[in-house]
C-alpha cells in the first residue's frame, strides 16, 4: 500500500486504530487529504465505504485526538517561537 506524499498522517491515524485497510477508500472515495476534511465526512459516508460502527467510533476518536494534538503543537510553537 503506497501512500502519496502528504497523506502519511492519514495512514498513521488509521494504523493506530487498526483501520488501515480503509486508507485508499478514505483518500480516494471520500477525498480526505487533510485533517480538516473530516469536518465534511458523515457516518453515512463511512458506511458507504464499508466501515462498521465500531470502526467509525474508533476513527472519530482518533481524529479528535489528532486535532487536539495539532492544537497543542500550534500553541506551543507560538509560545516557544515568540521568545
N, C-alpha and C. Protein backbone atom coordinates (compact mmCIF):
# COMPACT_ATOMS: atom_id res chain seq x y z
N UNK A 1 0.84 -1.17 0.00
CA UNK A 1 0.00 0.00 0.00
C UNK A 1 0.89 1.24 0.00
N UNK A 2 1.05 1.86 -1.12
CA UNK A 2 1.89 3.04 -1.25
C UNK A 2 1.07 4.29 -0.98
N UNK A 3 1.54 5.14 -0.06
CA UNK A 3 0.81 6.37 0.24
C UNK A 3 1.44 7.54 -0.51
N UNK A 4 0.61 8.44 -0.96
CA UNK A 4 1.10 9.63 -1.63
C UNK A 4 1.71 10.57 -0.62
N UNK A 5 2.59 11.45 -1.11
CA UNK A 5 3.20 12.46 -0.26
C UNK A 5 2.11 13.33 0.35
N UNK A 6 2.17 13.56 1.63
CA UNK A 6 1.21 14.42 2.29
C UNK A 6 0.06 13.68 2.95
N UNK A 7 -0.06 12.39 2.75
CA UNK A 7 -1.14 11.64 3.40
C UNK A 7 -0.61 10.60 4.37
N UNK A 8 0.67 10.71 4.73
CA UNK A 8 1.24 9.76 5.70
C UNK A 8 0.51 9.86 7.03
N UNK A 9 0.10 11.08 7.39
CA UNK A 9 -0.62 11.28 8.65
C UNK A 9 -1.90 10.45 8.68
N UNK A 10 -2.56 10.34 7.51
CA UNK A 10 -3.81 9.58 7.43
C UNK A 10 -3.53 8.10 7.65
N UNK A 11 -2.48 7.60 7.03
CA UNK A 11 -2.12 6.19 7.22
C UNK A 11 -1.75 5.93 8.67
N UNK A 12 -1.01 6.84 9.30
CA UNK A 12 -0.66 6.68 10.72
C UNK A 12 -1.91 6.64 11.58
N UNK A 13 -2.82 7.57 11.32
CA UNK A 13 -4.06 7.66 12.09
C UNK A 13 -4.85 6.36 11.97
N UNK A 14 -5.00 5.87 10.75
CA UNK A 14 -5.77 4.64 10.52
C UNK A 14 -5.05 3.42 11.10
N UNK A 15 -3.74 3.40 11.02
CA UNK A 15 -2.98 2.28 11.58
C UNK A 15 -3.11 2.24 13.09
N UNK A 16 -3.11 3.40 13.73
CA UNK A 16 -3.24 3.47 15.18
C UNK A 16 -4.54 2.82 15.67
N UNK A 17 -5.60 2.90 14.88
CA UNK A 17 -6.89 2.33 15.28
C UNK A 17 -7.24 1.09 14.46
N UNK A 18 -6.23 0.50 13.82
CA UNK A 18 -6.35 -0.74 13.06
C UNK A 18 -7.40 -0.66 11.96
N UNK A 19 -7.42 0.47 11.23
CA UNK A 19 -8.34 0.65 10.11
C UNK A 19 -7.59 0.97 8.82
N UNK A 20 -6.33 0.54 8.73
CA UNK A 20 -5.51 0.88 7.58
C UNK A 20 -6.06 0.35 6.26
N UNK A 21 -6.93 -0.66 6.31
CA UNK A 21 -7.49 -1.20 5.07
C UNK A 21 -8.42 -0.19 4.39
N UNK A 22 -8.83 0.86 5.11
CA UNK A 22 -9.72 1.87 4.54
C UNK A 22 -8.96 3.08 3.99
N UNK A 23 -7.64 3.04 4.03
CA UNK A 23 -6.84 4.19 3.60
C UNK A 23 -7.19 4.65 2.19
N UNK A 24 -7.14 3.75 1.22
CA UNK A 24 -7.41 4.14 -0.17
C UNK A 24 -8.83 4.63 -0.36
N UNK A 25 -9.78 3.99 0.30
CA UNK A 25 -11.17 4.41 0.15
C UNK A 25 -11.42 5.77 0.77
N UNK A 26 -10.81 6.04 1.93
CA UNK A 26 -10.98 7.35 2.56
C UNK A 26 -10.29 8.42 1.73
N UNK A 27 -9.08 8.12 1.27
CA UNK A 27 -8.33 9.10 0.49
C UNK A 27 -8.96 9.34 -0.89
N UNK A 28 -9.31 8.27 -1.58
CA UNK A 28 -9.77 8.41 -2.97
C UNK A 28 -11.28 8.61 -3.09
N UNK A 29 -12.07 7.81 -2.37
CA UNK A 29 -13.54 7.91 -2.50
C UNK A 29 -14.09 9.12 -1.74
N UNK A 30 -13.54 9.38 -0.55
CA UNK A 30 -14.04 10.49 0.26
C UNK A 30 -13.20 11.75 0.09
N UNK A 31 -12.09 11.64 -0.63
CA UNK A 31 -11.19 12.77 -0.91
C UNK A 31 -10.69 13.46 0.35
N UNK A 32 -10.32 12.67 1.34
CA UNK A 32 -9.77 13.22 2.58
C UNK A 32 -8.25 13.22 2.45
N UNK A 33 -7.68 14.42 2.38
CA UNK A 33 -6.23 14.55 2.30
C UNK A 33 -5.68 15.47 3.38
N UNK A 34 -6.57 16.09 4.13
CA UNK A 34 -6.20 16.95 5.26
C UNK A 34 -7.11 16.63 6.43
N UNK A 35 -6.61 16.89 7.62
CA UNK A 35 -7.40 16.62 8.81
C UNK A 35 -8.70 17.40 8.80
N UNK A 36 -8.67 18.61 8.28
CA UNK A 36 -9.88 19.45 8.25
C UNK A 36 -10.95 18.88 7.33
N UNK A 37 -10.59 18.01 6.41
CA UNK A 37 -11.58 17.41 5.51
C UNK A 37 -12.55 16.50 6.26
N UNK A 38 -12.14 15.99 7.44
CA UNK A 38 -13.03 15.16 8.22
C UNK A 38 -14.24 15.94 8.73
N UNK A 39 -14.17 17.28 8.70
CA UNK A 39 -15.33 18.10 9.08
C UNK A 39 -16.53 17.82 8.19
N UNK A 40 -16.27 17.37 6.97
CA UNK A 40 -17.33 17.17 5.98
C UNK A 40 -17.71 15.71 5.79
N UNK A 41 -17.08 14.82 6.52
CA UNK A 41 -17.37 13.39 6.43
C UNK A 41 -18.44 13.03 7.45
N UNK A 42 -19.43 12.29 7.01
CA UNK A 42 -20.51 11.85 7.88
C UNK A 42 -20.44 10.33 8.06
N UNK A 43 -21.11 9.83 9.08
CA UNK A 43 -21.13 8.39 9.31
C UNK A 43 -21.67 7.63 8.10
N UNK A 44 -22.63 8.23 7.40
CA UNK A 44 -23.20 7.57 6.21
C UNK A 44 -22.12 7.38 5.13
N UNK A 45 -21.21 8.35 5.02
CA UNK A 45 -20.12 8.23 4.04
C UNK A 45 -19.21 7.06 4.40
N UNK A 46 -18.94 6.91 5.69
CA UNK A 46 -18.08 5.81 6.14
C UNK A 46 -18.79 4.47 5.95
N UNK A 47 -20.11 4.44 6.15
CA UNK A 47 -20.86 3.21 5.91
C UNK A 47 -20.80 2.82 4.43
N UNK A 48 -20.86 3.81 3.55
CA UNK A 48 -20.82 3.54 2.10
C UNK A 48 -19.51 2.90 1.67
N UNK A 49 -18.42 3.21 2.38
CA UNK A 49 -17.14 2.59 2.01
C UNK A 49 -16.91 1.28 2.77
N UNK A 50 -17.91 0.86 3.56
CA UNK A 50 -17.86 -0.45 4.21
C UNK A 50 -17.39 -0.46 5.64
N UNK A 51 -17.26 0.70 6.27
CA UNK A 51 -16.78 0.75 7.65
C UNK A 51 -17.96 0.56 8.62
N UNK A 52 -17.80 -0.36 9.55
CA UNK A 52 -18.83 -0.62 10.55
C UNK A 52 -18.83 0.44 11.65
N UNK A 53 -19.85 0.38 12.48
CA UNK A 53 -19.99 1.39 13.54
C UNK A 53 -18.85 1.37 14.56
N UNK A 54 -18.38 0.20 14.99
CA UNK A 54 -17.24 0.24 15.92
C UNK A 54 -16.01 0.91 15.30
N UNK A 55 -15.77 0.64 14.03
CA UNK A 55 -14.66 1.27 13.33
C UNK A 55 -14.85 2.78 13.21
N UNK A 56 -16.08 3.19 12.96
CA UNK A 56 -16.37 4.62 12.87
C UNK A 56 -16.08 5.31 14.19
N UNK A 57 -16.48 4.68 15.29
CA UNK A 57 -16.23 5.29 16.61
C UNK A 57 -14.73 5.41 16.86
N UNK A 58 -13.98 4.36 16.52
CA UNK A 58 -12.53 4.43 16.71
C UNK A 58 -11.91 5.52 15.84
N UNK A 59 -12.40 5.64 14.61
CA UNK A 59 -11.88 6.67 13.71
C UNK A 59 -12.16 8.07 14.25
N UNK A 60 -13.39 8.33 14.69
CA UNK A 60 -13.74 9.66 15.19
C UNK A 60 -12.93 10.00 16.44
N UNK A 61 -12.69 9.02 17.31
CA UNK A 61 -11.86 9.27 18.50
C UNK A 61 -10.43 9.60 18.10
N UNK A 62 -9.91 8.89 17.10
CA UNK A 62 -8.54 9.15 16.64
C UNK A 62 -8.44 10.54 16.00
N UNK A 63 -9.46 10.92 15.24
CA UNK A 63 -9.48 12.26 14.62
C UNK A 63 -9.51 13.32 15.71
N UNK A 64 -10.32 13.10 16.73
CA UNK A 64 -10.42 14.06 17.84
C UNK A 64 -9.07 14.20 18.55
N UNK A 65 -8.40 13.07 18.80
CA UNK A 65 -7.08 13.12 19.45
C UNK A 65 -6.06 13.84 18.58
N UNK A 66 -6.10 13.58 17.27
CA UNK A 66 -5.14 14.21 16.36
C UNK A 66 -5.37 15.72 16.31
N UNK A 67 -6.63 16.14 16.29
CA UNK A 67 -6.93 17.58 16.30
C UNK A 67 -6.42 18.24 17.57
N UNK A 68 -6.64 17.58 18.70
CA UNK A 68 -6.17 18.12 19.98
C UNK A 68 -4.65 18.23 19.99
N UNK A 69 -3.99 17.22 19.44
CA UNK A 69 -2.53 17.22 19.39
C UNK A 69 -2.03 18.37 18.51
N UNK A 70 -2.67 18.60 17.39
CA UNK A 70 -2.27 19.68 16.49
C UNK A 70 -2.50 21.04 17.13
N UNK A 71 -3.59 21.19 17.85
CA UNK A 71 -3.86 22.45 18.54
C UNK A 71 -2.80 22.71 19.59
N UNK A 72 -2.44 21.67 20.33
CA UNK A 72 -1.41 21.80 21.36
C UNK A 72 -0.08 22.20 20.74
N UNK A 73 0.26 21.57 19.62
CA UNK A 73 1.52 21.88 18.95
C UNK A 73 1.54 23.33 18.50
N UNK A 74 0.45 23.80 17.93
CA UNK A 74 0.44 25.18 17.43
C UNK A 74 0.54 26.16 18.59
N UNK A 75 -0.08 25.86 19.73
CA UNK A 75 0.01 26.71 20.89
C UNK A 75 1.44 26.74 21.42
N UNK A 76 2.05 25.58 21.50
CA UNK A 76 3.42 25.50 22.00
C UNK A 76 4.39 26.21 21.06
N UNK A 77 4.17 26.09 19.78
CA UNK A 77 5.07 26.75 18.84
C UNK A 77 4.95 28.26 18.94
N UNK A 78 3.76 28.77 19.24
CA UNK A 78 3.60 30.21 19.43
C UNK A 78 4.35 30.68 20.65
N UNK A 79 4.29 29.91 21.73
CA UNK A 79 4.98 30.29 22.96
C UNK A 79 6.49 30.26 22.76
N UNK A 80 6.98 29.15 22.21
CA UNK A 80 8.43 29.00 22.07
C UNK A 80 8.99 29.85 20.96
N UNK A 81 8.25 30.04 19.90
CA UNK A 81 8.76 30.85 18.78
C UNK A 81 8.65 32.34 19.09
N UNK A 82 7.77 32.69 20.03
CA UNK A 82 7.57 34.10 20.34
C UNK A 82 8.69 34.72 21.14
N UNK A 83 9.54 33.90 21.82
CA UNK A 83 10.59 34.50 22.64
C UNK A 83 11.87 34.71 21.90
